[in-house]
Amino acid sequence: MQFQYERAVFWYESALAALPPSARRSQRPGLAMAAIYRTLLDEIQRDHFPVLRARVSLTPLRKLWLASKTWLFP
């Protein structure tokens, strides 16, 4: 599972690096979702990959905080 985590992190970072700074403002919805999914991925890794035995999720308040932070500071 660690390999899959590292592979996903690589693709998140590659996609973010490929996005020109001038496009960040117009891509805010996608960046907000990427921030939420990346945080979820980090939580899964931090909890030692419990995905086959338990559901991993973020609270709605945390999702809202991540989305608003990304929306305000793209």
C-alpha atoms as a PDB file:
ATOM      1  CA  MET A   1       0.000   0.000   0.000  1.00  0.00           C
ATOM      2  CA  GLN A   2       2.888   2.385   0.667  1.00  0.00           C
ATOM      3  CA  PHE A   3       3.854   2.095  -3.000  1.00  0.00           C
ATOM      4  CA  GLN A   4       0.337   3.097  -4.080  1.00  0.00           C
ATOM      5  CA  TYR A   5       0.385   6.018  -1.644  1.00  0.00           C
ATOM      6  CA  GLU A   6       3.714   7.259  -3.013  1.00  0.00           C
ATOM      7  CA  ARG A   7       2.487   6.865  -6.577  1.00  0.00           C
ATOM      8  CA  ALA A   8      -0.654   8.896  -5.852  1.00  0.00           C
ATOM      9  CA  VAL A   9       1.365  11.612  -4.093  1.00  0.00           C
ATOM     10  CA  PHE A  10       3.685  11.783  -7.110  1.00  0.00           C
ATOM     11  CA  TRP A  11       0.739  12.358  -9.443  1.00  0.00           C
ATOM     12  CA  TYR A  12      -0.848  14.977  -7.186  1.00  0.00           C
ATOM     13  CA  GLU A  13       2.439  16.876  -7.027  1.00  0.00           C
ATOM     14  CA  SER A  14       3.056  16.506 -10.779  1.00  0.00           C
ATOM     15  CA  ALA A  15      -0.395  17.818 -11.640  1.00  0.00           C
ATOM     16  CA  LEU A  16      -0.036  20.775  -9.297  1.00  0.00           C
ATOM     17  CA  ALA A  17       3.413  21.600 -10.681  1.00  0.00           C
ATOM     18  CA  ALA A  18       2.082  21.458 -14.251  1.00  0.00           C
ATOM     19  CA  LEU A  19      -0.692  23.958 -13.531  1.00  0.00           C
ATOM     20  CA  PRO A  20       0.450  27.426 -14.593  1.00  0.00           C
ATOM     21  CA  PRO A  21       0.094  30.093 -11.908  1.00  0.00           C
ATOM     22  CA  SER A  22      -2.170  32.082 -14.218  1.00  0.00           C
ATOM     23  CA  ALA A  23      -4.663  29.185 -14.295  1.00  0.00           C
ATOM     24  CA  ARG A  24      -4.898  28.646 -10.547  1.00  0.00           C
ATOM     25  CA  ARG A  25      -7.739  31.102 -10.038  1.00  0.00           C
ATOM     26  CA  SER A  26      -9.920  29.490 -12.708  1.00  0.00           C
ATOM     27  CA  GLN A  27      -9.112  26.023 -11.366  1.00  0.00           C
ATOM     28  CA  ARG A  28     -10.152  26.716  -7.779  1.00  0.00           C
ATOM     29  CA  PRO A  29     -12.905  24.049  -7.662  1.00  0.00           C
ATOM     30  CA  GLY A  30     -10.497  21.370  -8.856  1.00  0.00           C
ATOM     31  CA  LEU A  31      -7.770  22.565  -6.510  1.00  0.00           C
ATOM     32  CA  ALA A  32     -10.212  22.475  -3.588  1.00  0.00           C
ATOM     33  CA  MET A  33     -11.178  18.891  -4.390  1.00  0.00           C
ATOM     34  CA  ALA A  34      -7.510  17.964  -4.830  1.00  0.00           C
ATOM     35  CA  ALA A  35      -6.751  19.406  -1.386  1.00  0.00           C
ATOM     36  CA  ILE A  36      -9.555  17.364   0.161  1.00  0.00           C
ATOM     37  CA  TYR A  37      -8.543  14.136  -1.591  1.00  0.00           C
ATOM     38  CA  ARG A  38      -4.846  14.676  -0.832  1.00  0.00           C
ATOM     39  CA  THR A  39      -5.644  15.215   2.851  1.00  0.00           C
ATOM     40  CA  LEU A  40      -7.767  12.073   2.849  1.00  0.00           C
ATOM     41  CA  LEU A  41      -4.902  10.165   1.260  1.00  0.00           C
ATOM     42  CA  ASP A  42      -2.545  11.444   3.962  1.00  0.00           C
ATOM     43  CA  GLU A  43      -5.011  10.361   6.661  1.00  0.00           C
ATOM     44  CA  ILE A  44      -5.189   6.883   5.151  1.00  0.00           C
ATOM     45  CA  GLN A  45      -1.403   6.638   5.176  1.00  0.00           C
ATOM     46  CA  ARG A  46      -1.140   8.035   8.713  1.00  0.00           C
ATOM     47  CA  ASP A  47      -3.612   5.410   9.961  1.00  0.00           C
ATOM     48  CA  HIS A  48      -1.581   2.615   8.312  1.00  0.00           C
ATOM     49  CA  PHE A  49      -3.943   1.983   5.386  1.00  0.00           C
ATOM     50  CA  PRO A  50      -7.124   0.702   7.077  1.00  0.00           C
ATOM     51  CA  VAL A  51      -9.112   0.905   3.827  1.00  0.00           C
ATOM     52  CA  LEU A  52      -9.825  -2.815   3.601  1.00  0.00           C
ATOM     53  CA  ARG A  53     -11.316  -2.979   7.091  1.00  0.00           C
ATOM     54  CA  ALA A  54     -12.714   0.508   7.805  1.00  0.00           C
ATOM     55  CA  ARG A  55     -13.995   3.615   6.105  1.00  0.00           C
ATOM     56  CA  VAL A  56     -11.730   6.631   6.271  1.00  0.00           C
ATOM     57  CA  SER A  57     -13.303  10.058   5.963  1.00  0.00           C
ATOM     58  CA  LEU A  58     -12.872  13.694   6.813  1.00  0.00           C
ATOM     59  CA  THR A  59     -15.451  15.631   8.780  1.00  0.00           C
ATOM     60  CA  PRO A  60     -17.609  18.056   6.801  1.00  0.00           C
ATOM     61  CA  LEU A  61     -16.103  20.929   8.794  1.00  0.00           C
ATOM     62  CA  ARG A  62     -12.578  19.885   7.829  1.00  0.00           C
ATOM     63  CA  LYS A  63     -13.586  19.577   4.171  1.00  0.00           C
ATOM     64  CA  LEU A  64     -15.125  23.045   4.322  1.00  0.00           C
ATOM     65  CA  TRP A  65     -11.966  24.449   5.902  1.00  0.00           C
ATOM     66  CA  LEU A  66      -9.743  22.851   3.218  1.00  0.00           C
ATOM     67  CA  ALA A  67     -12.003  24.021   0.396  1.00  0.00           C
ATOM     68  CA  SER A  68     -12.268  27.573   1.710  1.00  0.00           C
ATOM     69  CA  LYS A  69      -8.526  27.808   2.341  1.00  0.00           C
ATOM     70  CA  THR A  70      -7.847  26.636  -1.207  1.00  0.00           C
ATOM     71  CA  TRP A  71     -10.545  28.915  -2.649  1.00  0.00           C
ATOM     72  CA  LEU A  72      -9.228  32.016  -0.902  1.00  0.00           C
ATOM     73  CA  PHE A  73      -5.537  31.316  -1.496  1.00  0.00           C
ATOM     74  CA  PRO A  74      -5.193  29.489  -4.839  1.00  0.00           C
END
